[in-house]
Amino acid sequence: MNAKALRFLEELLLFSLLLAFSAVPAAADVKLPRLFNDHMVLQCGMRTPVWGWADPGEKVRVEFGTRIAETTADKDGKWMLRLAPLDIGGPFELLVSGKNTILIKDVLVGEVWLCSGQSNMAMEVRSCLNAEEEIAAANFPGIRQFQVKRIKAGEPLDDVATGDREEQQWLSKWIVCNPSTVIHFTGAGYFFARELHKRLDVPIGLIHSSWGGTTAEAWTATAALEADPELKSILQNWPDYNNDEEWLKEQYSNFVAEIEQAKRQGRPAPLYFNQPAVLYNGMIAPLVPYSIRGAIWYQGESNVFRAFQYRKLFPALIRNWRGAWGQGEFPFLFVQLANFEAGTGRWPELREAQAMTLSIPNTGMASAVDIGEAQDIHPKNKQELGRRLALAARALVYKEKLVYSGPVYKSMTVEGDKCYLSFTHPGDGLTVKGGEPLKWFTIAGEDKKFVPARAWIMGDKVIVWSEAVAQPVAVRYAWADNPESANLYNKAGDQAALPASPFRTDDWPGLTADRK
């Protein structure tokens, strides 16, 4: 064999050996969920879960300053450990070691809040009031956002989806707040975070997981719906709900066409964005058990045609999330729907269902009934909305003594032709914003026919009456889709503070009482 032929055989043998070695699976690298990356914010004062994947039986070590913990991946390659409670501050580094190492830089420790709901939570800072000025002033490196990429899933996912196009590269990663990045921050969440950041002087992390036009059941686990006989019906009836609004009819019609196309092509059936549990599975479950202080929620517009059902559905969602996290009854703050000329008459019933949810421990409500826009379902004043949510957090979570809720109806007594109404959260006294008289009060007798009423503040009560109703039995306030100029407020000091939540004293069946 000549030298040239021998050299060819040697090269062929070397190539074969390399090919053989490449076919042997390499040891799996330790991997972390996408929530763990540079610029992340960890929750202070709690044992901090860190989790991920590795080879079965592989030892994993996590170091965060002086806090060190170790564990071993289980037979499925999953592992989780918890660091001792962390102190506020940063930037720090998080080191995860196994057969490989991962170093996460610029980690802050502060307060982490989950922001979720539909389009009014999804609405970005660039679409809010005075957007140019707000963006220019948004130099807050202590505020960061992790926005979950939208995805539907039939079963709970282990990790969030990632942005797969160049214009989506800011999704599913922690982003530091500055004028070039804040445009993508949730407006309601950003103004909430900014208020807390300034007041508490701590880093704030926002995990933003929302989707416009979505129903509460899409954000609720299947098991939570199945646990209640009344809510279980949603699992069968949800396609019918798309007949409530024209835009939903079109959406659902397109979805049905997608199903037929998938069948013809032999592909799995697609999922609908308002199908029960699909957003919980894809956009909430992968976040568990990342430590959070609590959640803020702005949703309900897509459930107004089933407002009575929402009385059970919304509490079920809250209990579902709290159970999943295993952090006890973490704070859950929500927005009561803003005024809007919807033309359905059902919005007050949804607001009522939201207010009733305050019976669940550790919840707080920010009413937006006075900062909506009659002709726009997406009011731009998210600054005031964020401030009100922050007031609730400051009072309920951070234990400041301040007026954080508007008056909420408590009880009524009737004396002759007059009704005397009492309220919780009177603040520093009830007041009329903008001067007398009080507006949007109506009154009815046994015939259930409501007529405009006169109303007057006397001490900590409101007296309501009408010459047309000699024997009143019920009073309603701001009971309309768009109760613009409703003017009952409480005071903080000597200034009007927050609006009274719309209410009714009766429990007569409403427009949505029989809707399943």
Foldseek 3Di string as FASTA:
>chain_A
DDPVVVVVVVVVVVVVVVVVVVVDDDFFDWDFFLQDAALHEAEAPDFFKGKTFGAAQWKKWKDWPPWIDIDGQHNVRIDMDTTDGDDFDDDTWMWMDTVHIDIHTGYGYHAEAEEEAADLQQQALCQFPPSVVCLQPWPDQLEKEAEFDDDFDPAADQHTDADPDPVRNSHSHIDGIHSVPRRRHGLLVVLLQVVCCVVVVTRYYYYYQYYHLEDLQLQFALVLQVVDPVSPVCQVCVVVLLVPDPVSVVLVVVLVVQQVVCVVVVHDRDDRSHRGNGSNRHPVSNCPQRDHQYYEYEYDPNCLLQLVVLLPSVLSSQVRNCVRNVPHNHAYEYEQAEFEQPVPLRSLSNSVSVVSSPVDPRYYYAYRPAQADHHDSRGRPSNVSSVLSNLSCCCRPVNDDFQRAWWEWDAWDDDFQKIKTATPSLAVHKDFPPDDDADFKWWDAPVPDTDGWGWDDDTRIIMIGDPVGRHTDKMWGLSGSRSHRRTITHDHPPDGDGHYRTDMNDDPDDSNNPPD
